[in-house]
Amino acid sequence: MTSWKLVRVIAGLLILLSLALGVPESPLFVSQYWLYFTAFIGVNLFQSGLTNWCLMENILRKLGVRAGC
């Protein structure tokens, strides 16, 4: 799997996890402050789309994941 595909998978999983922990109707609810983490991920995805730079992708590449779309 390429670094960019892994970024999408990781971002999607973190968004789902933070929603599960932050939405009061969820059986896994902990605190609504988890929704700030959801917003943080969204802002980073937006920034990545505008600038073509992603910190998570750089980290994955340094860990040996091959680059690609």
PDB file of N, CA and C in Angstrom:
ATOM      1  N   MET A   1       0.853  -1.171   0.000  1.00  0.00           N
ATOM      2  CA  MET A   1       0.000   0.000   0.000  1.00  0.00           C
ATOM      3  C   MET A   1       0.902   1.240   0.000  1.00  0.00           C
ATOM      4  N   THR A   2       0.527   2.237  -0.763  1.00  0.00           N
ATOM      5  CA  THR A   2       1.341   3.446  -0.868  1.00  0.00           C
ATOM      6  C   THR A   2       1.054   4.390   0.301  1.00  0.00           C
ATOM      7  N   SER A   3       1.950   5.349   0.482  1.00  0.00           N
ATOM      8  CA  SER A   3       1.834   6.270   1.612  1.00  0.00           C
ATOM      9  C   SER A   3       0.539   7.078   1.556  1.00  0.00           C
ATOM     10  N   TRP A   4       0.150   7.522   0.368  1.00  0.00           N
ATOM     11  CA  TRP A   4      -1.049   8.356   0.292  1.00  0.00           C
ATOM     12  C   TRP A   4      -2.309   7.543   0.602  1.00  0.00           C
ATOM     13  N   LYS A   5      -2.366   6.297   0.170  1.00  0.00           N
ATOM     14  CA  LYS A   5      -3.512   5.451   0.504  1.00  0.00           C
ATOM     15  C   LYS A   5      -3.561   5.189   2.009  1.00  0.00           C
ATOM     16  N   LEU A   6      -2.394   4.978   2.609  1.00  0.00           N
ATOM     17  CA  LEU A   6      -2.344   4.773   4.054  1.00  0.00           C
ATOM     18  C   LEU A   6      -2.786   6.019   4.814  1.00  0.00           C
ATOM     19  N   VAL A   7      -2.436   7.201   4.312  1.00  0.00           N
ATOM     20  CA  VAL A   7      -2.885   8.447   4.935  1.00  0.00           C
ATOM     21  C   VAL A   7      -4.409   8.496   4.950  1.00  0.00           C
ATOM     22  N   ARG A   8      -5.027   8.140   3.849  1.00  0.00           N
ATOM     23  CA  ARG A   8      -6.497   8.145   3.775  1.00  0.00           C
ATOM     24  C   ARG A   8      -7.112   7.149   4.741  1.00  0.00           C
ATOM     25  N   VAL A   9      -6.532   5.960   4.822  1.00  0.00           N
ATOM     26  CA  VAL A   9      -7.046   4.932   5.725  1.00  0.00           C
ATOM     27  C   VAL A   9      -6.910   5.378   7.181  1.00  0.00           C
ATOM     28  N   ILE A  10      -5.740   5.890   7.538  1.00  0.00           N
ATOM     29  CA  ILE A  10      -5.496   6.331   8.914  1.00  0.00           C
ATOM     30  C   ILE A  10      -6.419   7.496   9.271  1.00  0.00           C
ATOM     31  N   ALA A  11      -6.546   8.471   8.377  1.00  0.00           N
ATOM     32  CA  ALA A  11      -7.422   9.619   8.643  1.00  0.00           C
ATOM     33  C   ALA A  11      -8.867   9.160   8.822  1.00  0.00           C
ATOM     34  N   GLY A  12      -9.331   8.270   7.961  1.00  0.00           N
ATOM     35  CA  GLY A  12     -10.700   7.768   8.080  1.00  0.00           C
ATOM     36  C   GLY A  12     -10.934   7.033   9.382  1.00  0.00           C
ATOM     37  N   LEU A  13      -9.993   6.199   9.777  1.00  0.00           N
ATOM     38  CA  LEU A  13     -10.127   5.464  11.040  1.00  0.00           C
ATOM     39  C   LEU A  13     -10.116   6.402  12.244  1.00  0.00           C
ATOM     40  N   LEU A  14      -9.236   7.404  12.224  1.00  0.00           N
ATOM     41  CA  LEU A  14      -9.179   8.343  13.337  1.00  0.00           C
ATOM     42  C   LEU A  14     -10.437   9.195  13.428  1.00  0.00           C
ATOM     43  N   ILE A  15     -11.005   9.567  12.298  1.00  0.00           N
ATOM     44  CA  ILE A  15     -12.249  10.326  12.301  1.00  0.00           C
ATOM     45  C   ILE A  15     -13.382   9.485  12.879  1.00  0.00           C
ATOM     46  N   LEU A  16     -13.490   8.243  12.434  1.00  0.00           N
ATOM     47  CA  LEU A  16     -14.542   7.372  12.963  1.00  0.00           C
ATOM     48  C   LEU A  16     -14.368   7.127  14.462  1.00  0.00           C
ATOM     49  N   LEU A  17     -13.129   6.910  14.894  1.00  0.00           N
ATOM     50  CA  LEU A  17     -12.868   6.690  16.307  1.00  0.00           C
ATOM     51  C   LEU A  17     -13.217   7.923  17.142  1.00  0.00           C
ATOM     52  N   SER A  18     -12.792   9.099  16.689  1.00  0.00           N
ATOM     53  CA  SER A  18     -13.063  10.312  17.454  1.00  0.00           C
ATOM     54  C   SER A  18     -14.557  10.637  17.473  1.00  0.00           C
ATOM     55  N   LEU A  19     -15.278  10.308  16.406  1.00  0.00           N
ATOM     56  CA  LEU A  19     -16.728  10.498  16.427  1.00  0.00           C
ATOM     57  C   LEU A  19     -17.390   9.532  17.400  1.00  0.00           C
ATOM     58  N   ALA A  20     -16.919   8.292  17.417  1.00  0.00           N
ATOM     59  CA  ALA A  20     -17.475   7.308  18.343  1.00  0.00           C
ATOM     60  C   ALA A  20     -17.243   7.732  19.793  1.00  0.00           C
ATOM     61  N   LEU A  21     -16.111   8.374  20.056  1.00  0.00           N
ATOM     62  CA  LEU A  21     -15.796   8.795  21.414  1.00  0.00           C
ATOM     63  C   LEU A  21     -16.392  10.153  21.774  1.00  0.00           C
ATOM     64  N   GLY A  22     -16.813  10.940  20.767  1.00  0.00           N
ATOM     65  CA  GLY A  22     -17.262  12.306  21.022  1.00  0.00           C
ATOM     66  C   GLY A  22     -18.735  12.579  20.858  1.00  0.00           C
ATOM     67  N   VAL A  23     -19.480  11.687  20.235  1.00  0.00           N
ATOM     68  CA  VAL A  23     -20.914  11.905  20.019  1.00  0.00           C
ATOM     69  C   VAL A  23     -21.684  11.284  21.190  1.00  0.00           C
ATOM     70  N   PRO A  24     -22.493  12.082  21.894  1.00  0.00           N
ATOM     71  CA  PRO A  24     -23.174  11.573  23.086  1.00  0.00           C
ATOM     72  C   PRO A  24     -24.054  10.345  22.840  1.00  0.00           C
ATOM     73  N   GLU A  25     -24.582  10.173  21.662  1.00  0.00           N
ATOM     74  CA  GLU A  25     -25.448   9.036  21.370  1.00  0.00           C
ATOM     75  C   GLU A  25     -24.674   7.738  21.150  1.00  0.00           C
ATOM     76  N   SER A  26     -23.357   7.833  21.059  1.00  0.00           N
ATOM     77  CA  SER A  26     -22.528   6.655  20.818  1.00  0.00           C
ATOM     78  C   SER A  26     -22.384   5.822  22.093  1.00  0.00           C
ATOM     79  N   PRO A  27     -22.399   4.506  21.962  1.00  0.00           N
ATOM     80  CA  PRO A  27     -22.181   3.668  23.154  1.00  0.00           C
ATOM     81  C   PRO A  27     -20.744   3.763  23.693  1.00  0.00           C
ATOM     82  N   LEU A  28     -19.829   4.311  22.900  1.00  0.00           N
ATOM     83  CA  LEU A  28     -18.435   4.468  23.318  1.00  0.00           C
ATOM     84  C   LEU A  28     -18.125   5.879  23.808  1.00  0.00           C
ATOM     85  N   PHE A  29     -19.163   6.697  23.995  1.00  0.00           N
ATOM     86  CA  PHE A  29     -18.991   8.112  24.347  1.00  0.00           C
ATOM     87  C   PHE A  29     -18.103   8.296  25.571  1.00  0.00           C
ATOM     88  N   VAL A  30     -17.139   9.229  25.450  1.00  0.00           N
ATOM     89  CA  VAL A  30     -16.269   9.589  26.566  1.00  0.00           C
ATOM     90  C   VAL A  30     -16.443  11.065  26.897  1.00  0.00           C
ATOM     91  N   SER A  31     -16.235  11.922  25.877  1.00  0.00           N
ATOM     92  CA  SER A  31     -16.323  13.365  26.069  1.00  0.00           C
ATOM     93  C   SER A  31     -16.544  14.036  24.715  1.00  0.00           C
ATOM     94  N   GLN A  32     -17.268  15.147  24.733  1.00  0.00           N
ATOM     95  CA  GLN A  32     -17.486  15.879  23.487  1.00  0.00           C
ATOM     96  C   GLN A  32     -16.206  16.547  22.989  1.00  0.00           C
ATOM     97  N   TYR A  33     -15.206  16.630  23.829  1.00  0.00           N
ATOM     98  CA  TYR A  33     -13.938  17.231  23.413  1.00  0.00           C
ATOM     99  C   TYR A  33     -13.241  16.412  22.331  1.00  0.00           C
ATOM    100  N   TRP A  34     -13.608  15.160  22.170  1.00  0.00           N
ATOM    101  CA  TRP A  34     -13.054  14.347  21.082  1.00  0.00           C
ATOM    102  C   TRP A  34     -13.425  14.912  19.714  1.00  0.00           C
ATOM    103  N   LEU A  35     -14.494  15.698  19.651  1.00  0.00           N
ATOM    104  CA  LEU A  35     -14.897  16.295  18.372  1.00  0.00           C
ATOM    105  C   LEU A  35     -13.880  17.331  17.896  1.00  0.00           C
ATOM    106  N   TYR A  36     -13.111  17.903  18.814  1.00  0.00           N
ATOM    107  CA  TYR A  36     -12.031  18.802  18.406  1.00  0.00           C
ATOM    108  C   TYR A  36     -10.973  18.034  17.619  1.00  0.00           C
ATOM    109  N   PHE A  37     -10.730  16.804  17.989  1.00  0.00           N
ATOM    110  CA  PHE A  37      -9.779  15.960  17.257  1.00  0.00           C
ATOM    111  C   PHE A  37     -10.296  15.687  15.841  1.00  0.00           C
ATOM    112  N   THR A  38     -11.603  15.463  15.721  1.00  0.00           N
ATOM    113  CA  THR A  38     -12.207  15.277  14.399  1.00  0.00           C
ATOM    114  C   THR A  38     -11.976  16.517  13.538  1.00  0.00           C
ATOM    115  N   ALA A  39     -12.209  17.696  14.121  1.00  0.00           N
ATOM    116  CA  ALA A  39     -11.994  18.949  13.391  1.00  0.00           C
ATOM    117  C   ALA A  39     -10.527  19.129  13.021  1.00  0.00           C
ATOM    118  N   PHE A  40      -9.628  18.758  13.913  1.00  0.00           N
ATOM    119  CA  PHE A  40      -8.189  18.859  13.650  1.00  0.00           C
ATOM    120  C   PHE A  40      -7.802  18.018  12.436  1.00  0.00           C
ATOM    121  N   ILE A  41      -8.311  16.810  12.364  1.00  0.00           N
ATOM    122  CA  ILE A  41      -8.015  15.934  11.223  1.00  0.00           C
ATOM    123  C   ILE A  41      -8.579  16.540   9.941  1.00  0.00           C
ATOM    124  N   GLY A  42      -9.795  17.064  10.008  1.00  0.00           N
ATOM    125  CA  GLY A  42     -10.408  17.688   8.837  1.00  0.00           C
ATOM    126  C   GLY A  42      -9.611  18.881   8.341  1.00  0.00           C
ATOM    127  N   VAL A  43      -9.144  19.718   9.261  1.00  0.00           N
ATOM    128  CA  VAL A  43      -8.333  20.886   8.888  1.00  0.00           C
ATOM    129  C   VAL A  43      -7.031  20.435   8.235  1.00  0.00           C
ATOM    130  N   ASN A  44      -6.417  19.392   8.774  1.00  0.00           N
ATOM    131  CA  ASN A  44      -5.177  18.889   8.176  1.00  0.00           C
ATOM    132  C   ASN A  44      -5.409  18.310   6.786  1.00  0.00           C
ATOM    133  N   LEU A  45      -6.514  17.611   6.583  1.00  0.00           N
ATOM    134  CA  LEU A  45      -6.829  17.095   5.247  1.00  0.00           C
ATOM    135  C   LEU A  45      -7.065  18.242   4.267  1.00  0.00           C
ATOM    136  N   PHE A  46      -7.767  19.280   4.724  1.00  0.00           N
ATOM    137  CA  PHE A  46      -8.015  20.458   3.885  1.00  0.00           C
ATOM    138  C   PHE A  46      -6.697  21.139   3.511  1.00  0.00           C
ATOM    139  N   GLN A  47      -5.839  21.350   4.497  1.00  0.00           N
ATOM    140  CA  GLN A  47      -4.535  21.974   4.258  1.00  0.00           C
ATOM    141  C   GLN A  47      -3.708  21.139   3.300  1.00  0.00           C
ATOM    142  N   SER A  48      -3.744  19.825   3.462  1.00  0.00           N
ATOM    143  CA  SER A  48      -2.988  18.928   2.592  1.00  0.00           C
ATOM    144  C   SER A  48      -3.475  19.025   1.149  1.00  0.00           C
ATOM    145  N   GLY A  49      -4.773  19.157   0.972  1.00  0.00           N
ATOM    146  CA  GLY A  49      -5.319  19.280  -0.370  1.00  0.00           C
ATOM    147  C   GLY A  49      -4.906  20.568  -1.056  1.00  0.00           C
ATOM    148  N   LEU A  50      -4.743  21.641  -0.269  1.00  0.00           N
ATOM    149  CA  LEU A  50      -4.365  22.930  -0.848  1.00  0.00           C
ATOM    150  C   LEU A  50      -2.861  23.052  -1.100  1.00  0.00           C
ATOM    151  N   THR A  51      -2.061  22.462  -0.222  1.00  0.00           N
ATOM    152  CA  THR A  51      -0.615  22.680  -0.307  1.00  0.00           C
ATOM    153  C   THR A  51       0.167  21.485  -0.855  1.00  0.00           C
ATOM    154  N   ASN A  52      -0.497  20.331  -1.004  1.00  0.00           N
ATOM    155  CA  ASN A  52       0.169  19.098  -1.435  1.00  0.00           C
ATOM    156  C   ASN A  52       1.283  18.675  -0.486  1.00  0.00           C
ATOM    157  N   TRP A  53       1.161  19.018   0.806  1.00  0.00           N
ATOM    158  CA  TRP A  53       2.109  18.598   1.834  1.00  0.00           C
ATOM    159  C   TRP A  53       1.341  17.987   2.991  1.00  0.00           C
ATOM    160  N   CYS A  54       1.787  16.814   3.443  1.00  0.00           N
ATOM    161  CA  CYS A  54       1.104  16.112   4.523  1.00  0.00           C
ATOM    162  C   CYS A  54       2.152  15.535   5.479  1.00  0.00           C
ATOM    163  N   LEU A  55       2.084  15.937   6.728  1.00  0.00           N
ATOM    164  CA  LEU A  55       3.038  15.457   7.719  1.00  0.00           C
ATOM    165  C   LEU A  55       2.939  13.951   7.896  1.00  0.00           C
ATOM    166  N   MET A  56       1.735  13.404   7.927  1.00  0.00           N
ATOM    167  CA  MET A  56       1.566  11.960   8.096  1.00  0.00           C
ATOM    168  C   MET A  56       2.231  11.198   6.952  1.00  0.00           C
ATOM    169  N   GLU A  57       2.119  11.717   5.743  1.00  0.00           N
ATOM    170  CA  GLU A  57       2.753  11.058   4.600  1.00  0.00           C
ATOM    171  C   GLU A  57       4.272  11.085   4.739  1.00  0.00           C
ATOM    172  N   ASN A  58       4.819  12.199   5.209  1.00  0.00           N
ATOM    173  CA  ASN A  58       6.270  12.276   5.432  1.00  0.00           C
ATOM    174  C   ASN A  58       6.710  11.272   6.489  1.00  0.00           C
ATOM    175  N   ILE A  59       5.946  11.136   7.551  1.00  0.00           N
ATOM    176  CA  ILE A  59       6.266  10.179   8.608  1.00  0.00           C
ATOM    177  C   ILE A  59       6.239   8.758   8.059  1.00  0.00           C
ATOM    178  N   LEU A  60       5.207   8.441   7.287  1.00  0.00           N
ATOM    179  CA  LEU A  60       5.091   7.101   6.716  1.00  0.00           C
ATOM    180  C   LEU A  60       6.243   6.795   5.774  1.00  0.00           C
ATOM    181  N   ARG A  61       6.651   7.774   4.988  1.00  0.00           N
ATOM    182  CA  ARG A  61       7.785   7.567   4.072  1.00  0.00           C
ATOM    183  C   ARG A  61       9.080   7.294   4.849  1.00  0.00           C
ATOM    184  N   LYS A  62       9.271   7.996   5.964  1.00  0.00           N
ATOM    185  CA  LYS A  62      10.463   7.767   6.779  1.00  0.00           C
ATOM    186  C   LYS A  62      10.426   6.393   7.439  1.00  0.00           C
ATOM    187  N   LEU A  63       9.230   5.851   7.622  1.00  0.00           N
ATOM    188  CA  LEU A  63       9.082   4.507   8.180  1.00  0.00           C
ATOM    189  C   LEU A  63       9.235   3.420   7.117  1.00  0.00           C
ATOM    190  N   GLY A  64       9.440   3.836   5.860  1.00  0.00           N
ATOM    191  CA  GLY A  64       9.704   2.870   4.811  1.00  0.00           C
ATOM    192  C   GLY A  64       8.552   2.556   3.888  1.00  0.00           C
ATOM    193  N   VAL A  65       7.429   3.228   4.051  1.00  0.00           N
ATOM    194  CA  VAL A  65       6.295   3.013   3.155  1.00  0.00           C
ATOM    195  C   VAL A  65       6.597   3.691   1.835  1.00  0.00           C
ATOM    196  N   ARG A  66       6.328   3.008   0.745  1.00  0.00           N
ATOM    197  CA  ARG A  66       6.673   3.586  -0.561  1.00  0.00           C
ATOM    198  C   ARG A  66       5.719   4.710  -0.925  1.00  0.00           C
ATOM    199  N   ALA A  67       6.242   5.706  -1.614  1.00  0.00           N
ATOM    200  CA  ALA A  67       5.458   6.869  -2.032  1.00  0.00           C
ATOM    201  C   ALA A  67       4.558   6.498  -3.197  1.00  0.00           C
ATOM    202  N   GLY A  68       3.547   7.267  -3.405  1.00  0.00           N
ATOM    203  CA  GLY A  68       2.656   7.057  -4.539  1.00  0.00           C
ATOM    204  C   GLY A  68       1.261   7.540  -4.268  1.00  0.00           C
ATOM    205  N   CYS A  69       0.453   7.564  -5.316  1.00  0.00           N
ATOM    206  CA  CYS A  69      -0.932   8.031  -5.206  1.00  0.00           C
ATOM    207  C   CYS A  69      -1.890   6.915  -4.899  1.00  0.00           C
TER     208      CYS A  69
END
